[in-house]
């Protein structure tokens, strides 16, 4: 005999009282041998300049890159623009498959128009149309380029030396936020710069360490730059800075990242607007730029 009672069907339950289409919730975890500490749910974001969705992936060198969320036919993408993802890490090469990924910068309508292929140009126009719709609906406001402060001795985005490599910070060191994911599934609100931890040293260093004054090379503008040096700190402390972790999460084993690491490898050509040739505080004096380590 078939029952005509549909009370369960109206509130999402089957005739036997079980829930319809119920899937048990599973917590996301990071494997111990994973080269990336960024959770899949933390990779989705929107471009600050066009408002279109992107996916952040770690790449070799502990840096992050935003990729377009949709795979494209590899034959329609120039070889130099092809990316592939392996074990959560993005590689600037092709893996031989019929599909590939593309950096968002190659499609961003707010960026400079380069020599795009017909497919990339068509997708750029579609993203520009979507960006315009978001702005007209009041759902997105483009972020202007970060202005350079007038004071020549205050870095807007300081250059930091960590384990022998130079990185450009996303902003003032006091505002560098930890990227660890808390137990409440939120991003940690503590800063990386801990007043109770060992500090770095502000110093002056040659912009190009391979060129020394008096070698007959063409001088740059300027020759020296302000740099926050961490090489005098213990190795574990430098690794904490490079992982963008606070002192509370540096020892937490298996803790995932809730946001991509914001360090950017320093390039004296692309980042010349952020080069400063004076120390933030005249009382802080570093070693002579001509004799210091390169």
Protein backbone atom coordinates (compact mmCIF):
# COMPACT_ATOMS: atom_id res chain seq x y z
CA UNK A 1 0.00 0.00 0.00
CA UNK A 2 1.33 3.41 -0.97
CA UNK A 3 1.21 6.21 1.55
CA UNK A 4 -0.22 9.57 0.54
CA UNK A 5 1.43 11.47 3.37
CA UNK A 6 3.79 14.03 1.79
CA UNK A 7 4.75 15.83 4.97
CA UNK A 8 8.30 14.57 4.72
CA UNK A 9 8.64 15.57 1.07
CA UNK A 10 7.82 19.18 1.84
CA UNK A 11 10.66 19.76 4.28
CA UNK A 12 13.50 17.96 2.51
CA UNK A 13 13.02 14.50 4.04
CA UNK A 14 12.17 11.22 2.30
CA UNK A 15 9.18 8.99 3.21
CA UNK A 16 11.33 7.01 5.68
CA UNK A 17 12.50 10.12 7.52
CA UNK A 18 16.00 10.25 5.98
CA UNK A 19 17.30 13.49 4.50
CA UNK A 20 17.27 13.91 0.74
CA UNK A 21 20.56 14.41 -1.10
CA UNK A 22 22.46 14.58 2.19
CA UNK A 23 26.23 14.61 1.97
CA UNK A 24 28.22 14.47 5.20
CA UNK A 25 30.51 17.43 5.75
CA UNK A 26 34.18 16.72 5.44
CA UNK A 27 36.93 18.91 6.82
CA UNK A 28 39.68 19.93 4.42
CA UNK A 29 43.17 18.85 5.36
CA UNK A 30 46.66 19.33 4.00
CA UNK A 31 48.79 16.27 3.37
CA UNK A 32 52.13 16.25 5.17
CA UNK A 33 54.03 15.78 1.89
CA UNK A 34 52.08 18.42 -0.03
CA UNK A 35 54.34 21.11 -1.55
CA UNK A 36 51.56 23.68 -1.08
CA UNK A 37 50.05 24.65 2.27
CA UNK A 38 47.14 26.55 0.70
CA UNK A 39 43.70 24.99 1.03
CA UNK A 40 41.61 24.63 -2.09
CA UNK A 41 38.87 26.82 -0.60
CA UNK A 42 41.38 29.62 -0.01
CA UNK A 43 42.55 29.79 -3.62
CA UNK A 44 39.49 31.53 -5.08
CA UNK A 45 39.67 35.31 -5.21
CA UNK A 46 38.81 38.26 -7.43
CA UNK A 47 41.17 40.56 -9.28
CA UNK A 48 41.51 43.92 -7.53
CA UNK A 49 41.62 45.76 -10.86
CA UNK A 50 38.91 44.06 -12.97
CA UNK A 51 36.81 42.11 -10.44
CA UNK A 52 36.89 38.81 -12.35
CA UNK A 53 37.47 35.52 -10.48
CA UNK A 54 40.96 34.06 -10.19
CA UNK A 55 42.57 31.06 -8.52
CA UNK A 56 45.82 31.44 -6.61
CA UNK A 57 48.37 28.64 -6.77
CA UNK A 58 51.77 28.24 -5.21
CA UNK A 59 54.66 27.93 -7.63
CA UNK A 60 58.30 26.83 -7.18
CA UNK A 61 60.13 29.38 -5.06
CA UNK A 62 57.38 29.79 -2.43
CA UNK A 63 55.54 32.47 -4.42
CA UNK A 64 51.95 32.57 -5.67
CA UNK A 65 50.48 33.22 -9.08
CA UNK A 66 46.83 33.96 -10.06
CA UNK A 67 45.50 31.68 -12.80
CA UNK A 68 42.33 31.89 -14.84
CA UNK A 69 39.86 29.42 -13.28
CA UNK A 70 38.99 27.74 -16.61
CA UNK A 71 41.29 25.48 -18.62
CA UNK A 72 41.90 26.46 -22.25
CA UNK A 73 42.83 24.43 -25.34
CA UNK A 74 46.61 24.32 -25.45
CA UNK A 75 46.69 24.77 -29.22
CA UNK A 76 45.00 28.18 -28.93
CA UNK A 77 47.42 29.52 -26.30
CA UNK A 78 50.94 30.75 -27.14
CA UNK A 79 53.64 28.42 -25.74
CA UNK A 80 55.01 31.13 -23.47
CA UNK A 81 51.61 31.60 -21.78
CA UNK A 82 50.89 27.95 -20.96
CA UNK A 83 50.77 26.81 -17.33
CA UNK A 84 49.92 23.50 -15.71
CA UNK A 85 49.12 22.54 -12.12
CA UNK A 86 50.65 19.49 -10.46
CA UNK A 87 50.00 18.56 -6.81
CA UNK A 88 48.67 22.04 -6.08
CA UNK A 89 51.74 23.81 -7.53
CA UNK A 90 51.62 25.87 -10.74
CA UNK A 91 54.42 25.47 -13.27
CA UNK A 92 55.16 27.88 -16.11
CA UNK A 93 55.29 25.16 -18.76
CA UNK A 94 53.09 22.74 -20.65
CA UNK A 95 52.61 19.15 -19.50
CA UNK A 96 51.81 17.82 -22.97
CA UNK A 97 48.05 17.51 -22.47
CA UNK A 98 45.40 19.03 -24.68
CA UNK A 99 44.53 21.64 -22.04
CA UNK A 100 46.48 24.24 -20.13
CA UNK A 101 46.04 27.08 -17.67
CA UNK A 102 46.72 30.78 -18.26
CA UNK A 103 47.82 33.51 -15.88
CA UNK A 104 45.12 36.06 -15.16
CA UNK A 105 47.53 38.88 -16.11
CA UNK A 106 47.44 37.60 -19.70
CA UNK A 107 43.64 38.10 -19.79
CA UNK A 108 43.05 40.98 -17.37
CA UNK A 109 41.26 43.82 -19.21
CA UNK A 110 42.83 46.34 -16.81
CA UNK A 111 46.36 45.36 -17.84
CA UNK A 112 48.41 46.37 -20.82
CA UNK A 113 47.29 44.87 -24.12
CA UNK A 114 50.03 42.60 -25.41
CA UNK A 115 50.27 40.27 -28.37
CA UNK A 116 47.37 38.02 -27.41
CA UNK A 117 46.17 35.13 -29.50
CA UNK A 118 42.61 35.35 -30.97
CA UNK A 119 41.25 33.15 -28.16
CA UNK A 120 42.91 35.19 -25.41
CA UNK A 121 41.73 38.44 -27.01
CA UNK A 122 38.15 37.15 -27.17
CA UNK A 123 38.29 36.09 -23.51
CA UNK A 124 39.75 39.46 -22.53
CA UNK A 125 36.79 41.23 -24.14
CA UNK A 126 34.38 38.93 -22.29
CA UNK A 127 36.12 39.69 -18.99
CA UNK A 128 35.99 43.42 -19.74
CA UNK A 129 32.25 43.18 -20.33
CA UNK A 130 31.76 41.30 -17.06
CA UNK A 131 33.90 43.86 -15.22
CA UNK A 132 31.74 46.67 -16.59
CA UNK A 133 28.57 44.90 -15.46
CA UNK A 134 29.96 44.48 -11.95
CA UNK A 135 30.84 48.17 -11.75
CA UNK A 136 27.47 49.31 -13.04
CA UNK A 137 25.72 47.08 -10.49
CA UNK A 138 27.83 48.52 -7.69
CA UNK A 139 29.36 45.16 -6.86
CA UNK A 140 32.95 46.08 -7.67
CA UNK A 141 35.15 49.16 -7.49
CA UNK A 142 38.57 48.98 -9.18
CA UNK A 143 41.51 49.46 -6.86
CA UNK A 144 43.80 52.24 -8.09
CA UNK A 145 47.52 51.75 -8.33
CA UNK A 146 49.19 52.22 -4.98
CA UNK A 147 50.61 55.76 -4.95
CA UNK A 148 54.19 56.38 -4.02
CA UNK A 149 54.63 58.42 -0.88
CA UNK A 150 56.28 61.80 -1.19
CA UNK A 151 58.78 61.16 1.60
CA UNK A 152 61.86 59.67 -0.10
CA UNK A 153 63.01 57.81 3.02
CA UNK A 154 59.78 55.93 3.83
CA UNK A 155 59.31 52.77 1.70
CA UNK A 156 55.72 52.14 0.61
CA UNK A 157 56.57 48.51 -0.10
CA UNK A 158 59.91 47.71 1.54
CA UNK A 159 62.39 45.24 0.10
CA UNK A 160 63.26 42.43 2.52
CA UNK A 161 66.23 40.06 2.31
CA UNK A 162 65.30 36.55 3.49
CA UNK A 163 67.78 33.65 3.29
CA UNK A 164 69.87 35.49 0.71
CA UNK A 165 66.95 36.38 -1.59
CA UNK A 166 65.26 39.76 -1.94
CA UNK A 167 61.47 40.03 -1.79
CA UNK A 168 59.09 42.96 -2.19
CA UNK A 169 56.58 43.22 0.64
CA UNK A 170 52.90 43.87 -0.22
CA UNK A 171 52.87 46.89 2.10
CA UNK A 172 54.40 48.21 5.33
CA UNK A 173 55.96 45.50 7.47
CA UNK A 174 53.72 46.46 10.39
CA UNK A 175 50.68 45.46 8.33
CA UNK A 176 52.00 42.11 7.08
CA UNK A 177 49.37 39.62 8.29
CA UNK A 178 49.81 35.95 9.07
CA UNK A 179 48.32 33.62 6.44
CA UNK A 180 47.69 30.64 8.76
CA UNK A 181 44.20 29.19 9.09
CA UNK A 182 42.82 29.12 12.62
CA UNK A 183 40.62 26.46 14.19
CA UNK A 184 37.63 28.73 13.58
CA UNK A 185 38.39 28.40 9.83
CA UNK A 186 39.40 32.03 9.54
CA UNK A 187 42.64 33.75 8.70
CA UNK A 188 44.89 34.56 11.64
CA UNK A 189 44.76 38.26 12.51
CA UNK A 190 48.22 38.43 14.14
CA UNK A 191 51.06 40.27 12.38
CA UNK A 192 54.27 38.64 11.18
CA UNK A 193 56.35 41.42 12.73
CA UNK A 194 56.39 40.46 16.42
CA UNK A 195 57.73 43.19 18.75
CA UNK A 196 59.08 40.48 21.08
CA UNK A 197 60.93 38.60 18.32
CA UNK A 198 64.40 39.36 17.02
CA UNK A 199 64.26 42.34 14.63
CA UNK A 200 65.96 42.78 11.30
CA UNK A 201 68.27 45.64 10.29
CA UNK A 202 67.61 48.51 7.93
CA UNK A 203 70.59 49.01 5.67
CA UNK A 204 71.63 50.40 2.30
CA UNK A 205 72.57 48.00 -0.47
CA UNK A 206 73.46 48.23 -4.13
CA UNK A 207 70.43 47.86 -6.40
CA UNK A 208 72.47 45.52 -8.61
CA UNK A 209 74.85 43.61 -6.31
CA UNK A 210 76.92 42.39 -9.28
CA UNK A 211 78.03 45.93 -10.16
CA UNK A 212 80.38 47.86 -7.93
CA UNK A 213 81.05 51.62 -7.97
CA UNK A 214 83.88 52.53 -10.29
CA UNK A 215 83.51 49.50 -12.58
CA UNK A 216 82.64 51.67 -15.56
CA UNK A 217 78.98 50.62 -15.68
CA UNK A 218 76.14 52.98 -16.42
CA UNK A 219 74.77 54.26 -13.08
CA UNK A 220 71.21 53.44 -12.16
CA UNK A 221 68.79 55.87 -10.54
CA UNK A 222 69.57 55.42 -7.70
CA UNK A 223 72.63 53.19 -7.22
CA UNK A 224 71.66 52.09 -3.69
CA UNK A 225 68.37 51.18 -2.06
CA UNK A 226 66.89 50.73 1.39
CA UNK A 227 66.53 47.11 2.46
CA UNK A 228 65.28 45.33 5.59
CA UNK A 229 67.88 42.63 6.16
CA UNK A 230 66.91 39.42 8.02
CA UNK A 231 70.01 37.38 7.20
CA UNK A 232 71.41 37.99 10.69
CA UNK A 233 68.49 36.12 12.29
CA UNK A 234 68.37 32.36 12.89
CA UNK A 235 67.37 30.20 9.94
CA UNK A 236 64.07 29.19 11.57
CA UNK A 237 63.14 32.83 12.08
CA UNK A 238 63.84 33.64 8.43
CA UNK A 239 61.73 30.67 7.36
CA UNK A 240 58.90 32.04 9.51
CA UNK A 241 59.07 35.35 7.65
CA UNK A 242 59.17 33.70 4.24
CA UNK A 243 56.19 31.48 5.15
CA UNK A 244 54.40 34.66 6.37
CA UNK A 245 53.51 33.15 9.74
CA UNK A 246 53.17 34.73 13.15
CA UNK A 247 55.09 33.39 16.13
CA UNK A 248 51.98 31.54 17.35
CA UNK A 249 51.54 29.50 14.14
CA UNK A 250 55.14 28.88 13.17
CA UNK A 251 55.29 25.71 15.29
CA UNK A 252 51.79 24.42 14.52
CA UNK A 253 52.33 21.21 12.56
CA UNK A 254 50.11 20.66 9.55
CA UNK A 255 48.38 24.05 9.82
CA UNK A 256 47.02 25.11 6.44
CA UNK A 257 47.20 28.55 4.87
CA UNK A 258 44.05 30.64 4.57
CA UNK A 259 45.52 33.08 2.02
CA UNK A 260 48.36 33.04 -0.52
CA UNK A 261 51.76 34.29 0.56
CA UNK A 262 52.11 37.92 -0.53
CA UNK A 263 55.88 38.06 -1.02
CA UNK A 264 56.94 39.01 -4.54
CA UNK A 265 60.47 38.35 -5.86
CA UNK A 266 62.16 41.73 -6.17
CA UNK A 267 62.99 42.93 -9.67
CA UNK A 268 64.92 46.24 -9.87
CA UNK A 269 63.35 47.04 -13.24
CA UNK A 270 59.69 46.24 -12.59
CA UNK A 271 59.79 47.55 -9.01
CA UNK A 272 61.90 50.66 -9.53
CA UNK A 273 59.09 52.90 -8.23
CA UNK A 274 59.51 51.34 -4.78
CA UNK A 275 63.28 51.80 -4.54
CA UNK A 276 64.34 54.24 -1.81
CA UNK A 277 67.92 55.45 -1.33
CA UNK A 278 67.59 56.69 2.26
CA UNK A 279 67.07 54.85 5.52
CA UNK A 280 63.68 55.26 7.24
CA UNK A 281 65.42 56.65 10.33
CA UNK A 282 68.63 58.70 9.99
CA UNK A 283 69.86 57.17 13.25
CA UNK A 284 69.92 53.70 11.67
CA UNK A 285 73.12 53.20 9.69
CA UNK A 286 73.95 50.03 7.86
CA UNK A 287 77.28 48.94 6.37
CA UNK A 288 78.80 50.70 3.41
CA UNK A 289 76.94 49.63 0.23
CA UNK A 290 80.18 49.18 -1.66
CA UNK A 291 81.67 46.75 0.84
CA UNK A 292 78.63 44.89 2.14
CA UNK A 293 77.69 41.42 1.03
CA UNK A 294 75.97 41.19 -2.31
